[in-house]
Amino acid sequence: MSKTIEATYQIVTPMFLGDAGQKAVDIRPPSVKGALRFWWRALNWGTHAGAHPVDEPGALRALHAEEARLFGIAAGDENGGQGVFLLNVIPSRSAQIQRAETPFKDMSGSQLYLLGMGLGSFKGGNHTTRNALTSGEFSVRLKFRPGVSEADRRSVADALYLFGLLGAIGSRARHGMGSVALTAWQGDARHVPQDRQSYVAAIQSLLANVADSLPPFTAFSGQARIDVSAQDKDPLKLLTMVGSQQQLYRSFGQHGKVLGQPAERNFKGDHDLILAATKGEGITRAPARAVFGLPHNYFFSSIKGKADVDYAPDNKAGRRASPLLLHVHALGDGQRLAVHCLMPAQFLPAGAQIRIKSIWSVNVPVDVDWKVLHDYLDRFDGETIHVK
């Protein structure tokens, strides 16, 4: 393997990066490095769990030490250092990055649903509240320091490669925004997938060593699931389709309708539970939809009742990112894929509770049902990529 690895990525869906003024200007190395760390941890938990089969804390310490050695650690931390490589982001000259103040034209309600109210708004017509990078390419060059072993170079390169298959950066990256797709690779014998079959094979080539048990954080395990859920030439149409399916599955609806269709009301129990909370009634469990991630909120237009469901460590506002990731991938044959990646893990730290805040604030046990997410993925007539 070469001492320099360079990967080129295409921006597939609007990328909401922000400078100090919350304006998307360019792609900076810290954003990319943060994404690489995420995918490196997701890939390498199985190795460390296997080396410490009855000592999860020891496996976590070993994983974090290895991550710090490879990727570096802040100078203010103990044993601060720079890691084993230098990372540069290089804008493309032939496919320059484009920015847009209104990255969605005629934004659908389903696209707005994926964006969420923090990034999108329906007031005055559906629109985003920030600009975005909408197209173009950029390259990431890793230059390894002298003396770095072949194993270390391959370990970091695996994360760089997987980032180009399932990754995204920016706000709402787990909801399909900011998706990137690998278009070129230099430094070893890996290939850029050009069609669906080679894309599936490329992902499977990286998932040969996973833990069987539930990980303590978002990582690949024998319980993970990757689905190619849909295919189209237009990535924004894929966002619309996925967003509408999620709305139909999750929403209770108004007047018996969701998106103009009969409401499925798959979670009537959640509706009734939180409605009771807005009336001051005591409740003892969390809504089933909490497994999609926290926080989320409810508003009952009929009684103007509100409720927030969140994770509140030390009575401070917290969040639990969704274990279900949506990625939109561009292939060399012109097709685009909507890919879901479900990575079940310990939902909240041991002893933590979910807080439901309405008229009163109450803490309830964490008891998530992963079948809720599997049932959602089964809605799509897609292909499951088996995790070994």
Protein backbone atom coordinates (compact mmCIF):
# COMPACT_ATOMS: atom_id res chain seq x y z
CA MET A 1 0.00 0.00 0.00
CA SER A 2 1.24 3.47 -0.90
CA LYS A 3 2.27 5.97 1.78
CA THR A 4 -0.33 8.33 0.25
CA ILE A 5 -3.99 7.44 -0.24
CA GLU A 6 -6.30 9.75 -2.18
CA ALA A 7 -10.06 9.32 -2.54
CA THR A 8 -12.43 11.51 -4.54
CA TYR A 9 -16.07 11.94 -3.55
CA GLN A 10 -19.17 13.30 -5.24
CA ILE A 11 -21.72 15.31 -3.25
CA VAL A 12 -24.99 13.44 -3.86
CA THR A 13 -27.54 15.24 -1.66
CA PRO A 14 -27.56 18.77 -0.16
CA MET A 15 -24.80 19.11 2.43
CA PHE A 16 -25.56 21.43 5.34
CA LEU A 17 -22.17 22.40 6.70
CA GLY A 18 -21.88 25.59 8.68
CA ASP A 19 -19.18 28.14 9.46
CA ALA A 20 -19.48 30.52 12.39
CA GLY A 21 -22.45 32.17 10.65
CA GLN A 22 -24.13 28.82 9.83
CA LYS A 23 -23.30 29.25 6.15
CA ALA A 24 -22.06 26.38 4.00
CA VAL A 25 -18.83 27.62 2.43
CA ASP A 26 -16.52 24.65 1.93
CA ILE A 27 -15.58 21.22 3.24
CA ARG A 28 -12.99 21.36 5.98
CA PRO A 29 -10.63 18.65 7.24
CA PRO A 30 -12.17 18.42 10.77
CA SER A 31 -15.56 17.50 9.28
CA VAL A 32 -14.05 14.71 7.19
CA LYS A 33 -11.79 13.48 9.98
CA GLY A 34 -14.75 13.30 12.35
CA ALA A 35 -16.62 11.14 9.84
CA LEU A 36 -13.60 8.88 9.37
CA ARG A 37 -13.35 8.37 13.13
CA PHE A 38 -17.02 7.35 13.25
CA TRP A 39 -16.64 4.72 10.52
CA TRP A 40 -13.32 3.50 11.93
CA ARG A 41 -14.93 2.89 15.33
CA ALA A 42 -17.93 1.18 13.70
CA LEU A 43 -15.61 -1.16 11.79
CA ASN A 44 -13.14 -1.93 14.57
CA TRP A 45 -15.34 -2.59 17.59
CA GLY A 46 -15.58 -6.28 16.65
CA THR A 47 -11.80 -6.71 16.73
CA HIS A 48 -11.45 -5.23 20.20
CA ALA A 49 -14.54 -6.97 21.55
CA GLY A 50 -13.07 -10.27 20.36
CA ALA A 51 -9.77 -9.53 22.07
CA HIS A 52 -11.57 -8.77 25.38
CA PRO A 53 -14.54 -11.19 25.29
CA VAL A 54 -15.49 -10.79 28.97
CA ASP A 55 -14.21 -7.26 29.56
CA GLU A 56 -16.26 -4.67 27.70
CA PRO A 57 -14.68 -1.69 29.55
CA GLY A 58 -11.26 -3.04 28.63
CA ALA A 59 -12.31 -3.40 24.98
CA LEU A 60 -13.54 0.22 24.97
CA ARG A 61 -10.29 1.48 26.50
CA ALA A 62 -8.27 -0.42 23.91
CA LEU A 63 -10.43 0.88 21.06
CA HIS A 64 -10.14 4.50 22.23
CA ALA A 65 -6.37 4.20 22.69
CA GLU A 66 -5.99 2.79 19.17
CA GLU A 67 -8.19 5.54 17.73
CA ALA A 68 -6.12 8.21 19.50
CA ARG A 69 -2.89 6.69 18.20
CA LEU A 70 -4.13 6.54 14.59
CA PHE A 71 -6.18 9.74 14.36
CA GLY A 72 -4.55 11.90 17.01
CA ILE A 73 -5.80 13.47 20.20
CA ALA A 74 -6.20 17.09 21.27
CA ALA A 75 -3.02 18.65 22.61
CA GLY A 76 -4.75 19.52 25.89
CA ASP A 77 -5.51 15.86 26.57
CA GLU A 78 -3.16 13.45 28.25
CA ASN A 79 -0.57 12.10 25.78
CA GLY A 80 -1.78 14.50 23.08
CA GLY A 81 -0.53 13.78 19.55
CA GLN A 82 -1.14 14.19 15.82
CA GLY A 83 -1.87 10.66 14.69
CA VAL A 84 -0.19 8.66 11.93
CA PHE A 85 -1.28 10.72 8.92
CA LEU A 86 -1.87 14.22 7.61
CA LEU A 87 -5.25 14.91 5.98
CA ASN A 88 -5.91 17.44 3.25
CA VAL A 89 -9.19 18.27 1.50
CA ILE A 90 -8.69 19.25 -2.14
CA PRO A 91 -11.52 20.90 -4.13
CA SER A 92 -12.05 19.55 -7.63
CA ARG A 93 -11.19 21.82 -10.55
CA SER A 94 -13.25 19.88 -13.09
CA ALA A 95 -16.35 19.38 -10.92
CA GLN A 96 -16.39 22.43 -8.69
CA ILE A 97 -18.52 22.47 -5.59
CA GLN A 98 -21.78 24.38 -6.05
CA ARG A 99 -23.73 26.17 -3.32
CA ALA A 100 -27.39 27.10 -3.19
CA GLU A 101 -29.39 29.32 -0.86
CA THR A 102 -32.46 27.18 -1.60
CA PRO A 103 -31.05 23.67 -2.16
CA PHE A 104 -34.46 22.05 -2.72
CA LYS A 105 -36.66 23.31 -5.54
CA ASP A 106 -40.37 22.86 -4.78
CA MET A 107 -39.52 21.05 -1.56
CA SER A 108 -41.93 18.24 -0.78
CA GLY A 109 -43.36 17.71 2.67
CA SER A 110 -41.56 14.37 2.79
CA GLN A 111 -38.20 16.04 2.19
CA LEU A 112 -39.04 18.54 4.93
CA TYR A 113 -39.88 15.61 7.21
CA LEU A 114 -36.32 14.27 6.83
CA LEU A 115 -34.81 17.72 7.37
CA GLY A 116 -36.70 18.34 10.59
CA MET A 117 -37.88 21.66 11.93
CA GLY A 118 -34.39 22.83 12.93
CA LEU A 119 -33.15 22.79 9.35
CA GLY A 120 -36.40 23.25 7.46
CA SER A 121 -39.59 25.28 7.85
CA PHE A 122 -43.08 25.19 6.34
CA LYS A 123 -43.87 28.83 7.14
CA GLY A 124 -44.24 30.72 3.89
CA GLY A 125 -43.84 27.51 1.91
CA ASN A 126 -41.54 24.55 2.55
CA HIS A 127 -37.92 25.69 2.61
CA THR A 128 -34.58 25.20 4.31
CA THR A 129 -33.37 27.66 6.92
CA ARG A 130 -29.76 27.46 5.72
CA ASN A 131 -27.89 27.19 2.46
CA ALA A 132 -26.09 24.03 1.39
CA LEU A 133 -23.42 22.57 -0.87
CA THR A 134 -25.42 20.85 -3.59
CA SER A 135 -23.04 19.24 -6.11
CA GLY A 136 -19.45 18.86 -7.17
CA GLU A 137 -16.51 16.78 -6.05
CA PHE A 138 -13.67 16.96 -3.56
CA SER A 139 -10.70 14.76 -2.76
CA VAL A 140 -9.29 13.64 0.56
CA ARG A 141 -5.57 12.94 0.63
CA LEU A 142 -3.99 11.02 3.49
CA LYS A 143 -0.22 11.23 3.74
CA PHE A 144 1.10 8.72 6.23
CA ARG A 145 4.07 9.56 8.40
CA PRO A 146 7.37 7.68 7.94
CA GLY A 147 7.48 4.33 9.65
CA VAL A 148 3.71 3.77 9.77
CA SER A 149 2.97 0.06 9.41
CA GLU A 150 1.06 -1.52 6.57
CA ALA A 151 -1.61 -2.64 9.04
CA ASP A 152 -2.15 0.92 10.30
CA ARG A 153 -2.38 2.32 6.78
CA ARG A 154 -4.92 -0.32 5.84
CA SER A 155 -6.97 0.29 8.98
CA VAL A 156 -7.32 4.02 8.23
CA ALA A 157 -7.84 3.37 4.51
CA ASP A 158 -10.75 1.03 5.30
CA ALA A 159 -12.54 3.90 7.06
CA LEU A 160 -11.81 6.25 4.15
CA TYR A 161 -13.21 3.67 1.73
CA LEU A 162 -16.34 2.97 3.79
CA PHE A 163 -16.98 6.71 4.13
CA GLY A 164 -17.32 6.75 0.34
CA LEU A 165 -19.82 3.89 0.39
CA LEU A 166 -22.12 4.76 3.30
CA GLY A 167 -20.97 8.15 4.58
CA ALA A 168 -22.20 11.71 4.81
CA ILE A 169 -21.21 14.92 6.57
CA GLY A 170 -23.09 17.94 7.87
CA SER A 171 -26.42 18.40 9.62
CA ARG A 172 -28.99 15.61 9.25
CA ALA A 173 -26.29 13.32 7.87
CA ARG A 174 -28.13 10.32 9.34
CA HIS A 175 -31.25 11.33 7.42
CA GLY A 176 -29.78 11.25 3.93
CA MET A 177 -28.41 14.80 3.77
CA GLY A 178 -24.79 15.42 2.84
CA SER A 179 -24.34 11.95 1.32
CA VAL A 180 -21.09 11.39 -0.56
CA ALA A 181 -20.13 8.71 -3.08
CA LEU A 182 -16.66 7.47 -3.96
CA THR A 183 -15.71 8.28 -7.58
CA ALA A 184 -11.93 7.69 -7.64
CA TRP A 185 -9.36 5.89 -5.50
CA GLN A 186 -5.56 5.89 -5.56
CA GLY A 187 -3.09 4.15 -3.29
CA ASP A 188 -4.00 0.46 -3.33
CA ALA A 189 -5.93 -2.07 -5.39
CA ARG A 190 -9.46 -1.16 -4.26
CA HIS A 191 -12.09 -0.48 -6.90
CA VAL A 192 -14.75 2.19 -7.23
CA PRO A 193 -18.17 0.47 -7.51
CA GLN A 194 -19.78 1.19 -10.85
CA ASP A 195 -23.01 -0.75 -10.44
CA ARG A 196 -25.25 -2.12 -7.72
CA GLN A 197 -23.63 -5.56 -7.61
CA SER A 198 -20.10 -4.21 -7.17
CA TYR A 199 -21.35 -1.73 -4.57
CA VAL A 200 -22.82 -4.51 -2.44
CA ALA A 201 -19.62 -6.54 -2.81
CA ALA A 202 -17.47 -3.56 -1.76
CA ILE A 203 -19.43 -3.12 1.49
CA GLN A 204 -19.35 -6.83 2.28
CA SER A 205 -15.57 -6.90 1.80
CA LEU A 206 -15.18 -4.64 4.85
CA LEU A 207 -17.54 -6.44 7.23
CA ALA A 208 -15.70 -9.69 7.85
CA ASN A 209 -15.01 -9.22 11.57
CA VAL A 210 -17.99 -8.12 13.66
CA ALA A 211 -19.06 -8.88 17.21
CA ASP A 212 -22.14 -10.99 17.83
CA SER A 213 -23.32 -9.14 20.93
CA LEU A 214 -24.97 -5.73 21.12
CA PRO A 215 -22.21 -3.05 21.01
CA PRO A 216 -21.99 -0.28 23.65
CA PHE A 217 -22.09 2.38 20.90
CA THR A 218 -23.13 2.63 17.24
CA ALA A 219 -21.03 -0.03 15.53
CA PHE A 220 -21.31 -3.03 13.24
CA SER A 221 -22.33 -6.28 14.88
CA GLY A 222 -24.13 -9.46 13.99
CA GLN A 223 -27.35 -7.56 14.75
CA ALA A 224 -26.67 -4.86 12.16
CA ARG A 225 -28.56 -4.65 8.89
CA ILE A 226 -27.79 -2.81 5.63
CA ASP A 227 -30.53 -2.51 3.01
CA VAL A 228 -30.49 -1.16 -0.52
CA SER A 229 -34.06 0.05 -0.17
CA ALA A 230 -34.74 1.84 -3.47
CA GLN A 231 -33.17 2.91 -6.75
CA ASP A 232 -33.72 5.91 -9.04
CA LYS A 233 -31.66 8.29 -11.17
CA ASP A 234 -32.79 11.33 -9.14
CA PRO A 235 -31.41 11.48 -5.56
CA LEU A 236 -34.04 14.00 -4.45
CA LYS A 237 -36.81 11.68 -5.59
CA LEU A 238 -35.27 9.01 -3.39
CA LEU A 239 -35.35 11.39 -0.42
CA THR A 240 -39.02 12.10 -1.16
CA MET A 241 -39.86 8.41 -1.37
CA VAL A 242 -38.03 7.48 1.83
CA GLY A 243 -39.41 10.48 3.70
CA SER A 244 -42.97 9.63 2.67
CA GLN A 245 -42.56 6.00 3.75
CA GLN A 246 -41.25 7.13 7.12
CA GLN A 247 -44.15 9.56 7.54
CA LEU A 248 -46.71 6.92 6.64
CA TYR A 249 -45.13 4.45 9.05
CA ARG A 250 -44.61 6.76 12.02
CA SER A 251 -47.36 9.38 11.87
CA PHE A 252 -50.78 9.19 13.50
CA GLY A 253 -52.12 11.74 11.03
CA GLN A 254 -54.83 14.37 11.14
CA HIS A 255 -58.47 13.61 10.36
CA GLY A 256 -57.42 10.06 9.53
CA LYS A 257 -54.99 11.11 6.79
CA VAL A 258 -51.21 11.19 6.25
CA LEU A 259 -49.96 12.72 2.98
CA GLY A 260 -53.50 12.51 1.66
CA GLN A 261 -53.63 8.76 2.27
CA PRO A 262 -55.48 6.81 4.97
CA ALA A 263 -53.42 6.93 8.16
CA GLU A 264 -51.89 3.57 9.05
CA ARG A 265 -51.73 4.42 12.77
CA ASN A 266 -49.05 1.84 13.47
CA PHE A 267 -48.29 3.57 16.77
CA LYS A 268 -51.71 4.39 18.16
CA GLY A 269 -50.38 3.34 21.55
CA ASP A 270 -47.75 6.11 21.39
CA HIS A 271 -50.42 8.65 20.48
CA ASP A 272 -52.65 7.66 23.36
CA LEU A 273 -49.75 7.48 25.81
CA ILE A 274 -48.44 10.98 25.10
CA LEU A 275 -51.94 12.45 24.86
CA ALA A 276 -52.47 11.19 28.40
CA ALA A 277 -49.23 12.92 29.46
CA THR A 278 -50.46 16.25 28.04
CA LYS A 279 -53.55 15.89 30.24
CA GLY A 280 -51.44 15.39 33.35
CA GLU A 281 -52.03 11.66 33.64
CA GLY A 282 -49.25 9.48 34.97
CA ILE A 283 -47.34 7.31 32.49
CA THR A 284 -44.72 4.63 33.10
CA ARG A 285 -43.18 3.84 29.73
CA ALA A 286 -41.66 5.55 26.72
CA PRO A 287 -43.26 5.62 23.26
CA ALA A 288 -42.16 2.80 20.96
CA ARG A 289 -40.94 5.35 18.40
CA ALA A 290 -38.20 6.45 20.80
CA VAL A 291 -36.01 3.81 19.10
CA PHE A 292 -35.78 6.14 16.07
CA GLY A 293 -33.68 8.50 18.24
CA LEU A 294 -34.11 11.29 20.78
CA PRO A 295 -35.31 13.94 21.22
CA HIS A 296 -38.64 14.00 19.45
CA ASN A 297 -41.75 15.95 20.24
CA TYR A 298 -45.53 15.81 19.95
CA PHE A 299 -48.17 18.44 19.29
CA PHE A 300 -51.89 17.72 19.50
CA SER A 301 -53.70 20.37 17.49
CA SER A 302 -57.08 19.38 18.91
CA ILE A 303 -56.14 20.40 22.47
CA LYS A 304 -53.00 22.49 21.76
CA GLY A 305 -51.09 20.02 23.92
CA LYS A 306 -47.31 19.58 23.65
CA ALA A 307 -44.87 16.97 24.92
CA ASP A 308 -41.13 16.44 24.53
CA VAL A 309 -39.49 13.02 24.70
CA ASP A 310 -35.75 13.19 25.28
CA TYR A 311 -32.70 11.92 27.10
CA ALA A 312 -31.75 14.17 29.98
CA PRO A 313 -28.42 13.20 31.58
CA ASP A 314 -27.93 15.06 34.87
CA ASN A 315 -31.22 16.86 34.13
CA LYS A 316 -29.66 18.60 31.13
CA ALA A 317 -30.90 18.39 27.58
CA GLY A 318 -29.36 15.47 25.72
CA ARG A 319 -29.84 13.45 22.59
CA ARG A 320 -29.55 9.92 21.33
CA ALA A 321 -28.71 9.89 17.63
CA SER A 322 -30.75 7.55 15.50
CA PRO A 323 -29.30 4.04 15.11
CA LEU A 324 -30.81 4.03 11.60
CA LEU A 325 -28.75 5.85 8.96
CA LEU A 326 -29.96 6.79 5.47
CA HIS A 327 -27.36 7.21 2.72
CA VAL A 328 -28.00 8.12 -0.93
CA HIS A 329 -25.30 6.66 -3.16
CA ALA A 330 -24.37 7.59 -6.73
CA LEU A 331 -23.09 4.82 -9.00
CA GLY A 332 -20.99 5.11 -12.11
CA ASP A 333 -23.83 3.78 -14.26
CA GLY A 334 -26.00 6.81 -13.44
CA GLN A 335 -28.21 5.10 -10.88
CA ARG A 336 -28.72 6.34 -7.32
CA LEU A 337 -29.43 4.08 -4.37
CA ALA A 338 -31.25 4.76 -1.12
CA VAL A 339 -29.34 2.71 1.46
CA HIS A 340 -30.40 2.18 5.07
CA CYS A 341 -27.83 1.10 7.65
CA LEU A 342 -29.23 -0.09 10.99
CA MET A 343 -26.67 -0.50 13.77
CA PRO A 344 -28.38 -1.56 17.00
CA ALA A 345 -26.39 -0.76 20.15
CA GLN A 346 -26.95 -0.05 23.82
CA PHE A 347 -29.57 2.65 23.50
CA LEU A 348 -28.64 4.76 26.55
CA PRO A 349 -26.01 4.37 29.27
CA ALA A 350 -26.74 1.93 32.07
CA GLY A 351 -29.15 3.45 34.56
CA ALA A 352 -30.24 6.26 32.22
CA GLN A 353 -33.92 7.00 31.64
CA ILE A 354 -36.05 8.69 29.02
CA ARG A 355 -37.70 11.94 30.10
CA ILE A 356 -41.20 12.87 29.00
CA LYS A 357 -41.99 16.51 29.62
CA SER A 358 -45.47 17.97 29.30
CA ILE A 359 -47.65 19.34 32.12
CA TRP A 360 -45.40 17.31 34.40
CA SER A 361 -41.94 15.89 33.81
CA VAL A 362 -41.51 12.15 34.35
CA ASN A 363 -38.64 9.75 33.80
CA VAL A 364 -39.42 6.30 32.42
CA PRO A 365 -37.29 3.18 31.81
CA VAL A 366 -35.38 2.57 28.59
CA ASP A 367 -36.96 -0.46 26.94
CA VAL A 368 -36.60 -0.11 23.18
CA ASP A 369 -37.93 -2.63 20.68
CA TRP A 370 -35.61 -3.05 17.69
CA LYS A 371 -38.42 -4.76 15.78
CA VAL A 372 -39.91 -1.29 15.26
CA LEU A 373 -37.00 -0.44 12.96
CA HIS A 374 -36.91 -3.85 11.28
CA ASP A 375 -40.61 -3.56 10.46
CA TYR A 376 -39.94 -0.15 8.93
CA LEU A 377 -37.14 -1.50 6.73
CA ASP A 378 -39.34 -4.40 5.63
CA ARG A 379 -41.68 -1.85 3.97
CA PHE A 380 -39.17 -1.47 1.14
CA ASP A 381 -38.88 -3.99 -1.65
CA GLY A 382 -35.09 -3.90 -1.49
CA GLU A 383 -32.02 -6.04 -0.97
CA THR A 384 -30.39 -6.77 2.38
CA ILE A 385 -26.59 -6.77 2.53
CA HIS A 386 -25.77 -9.43 5.10
CA VAL A 387 -23.35 -8.49 7.87
CA LYS A 388 -21.14 -11.49 8.66
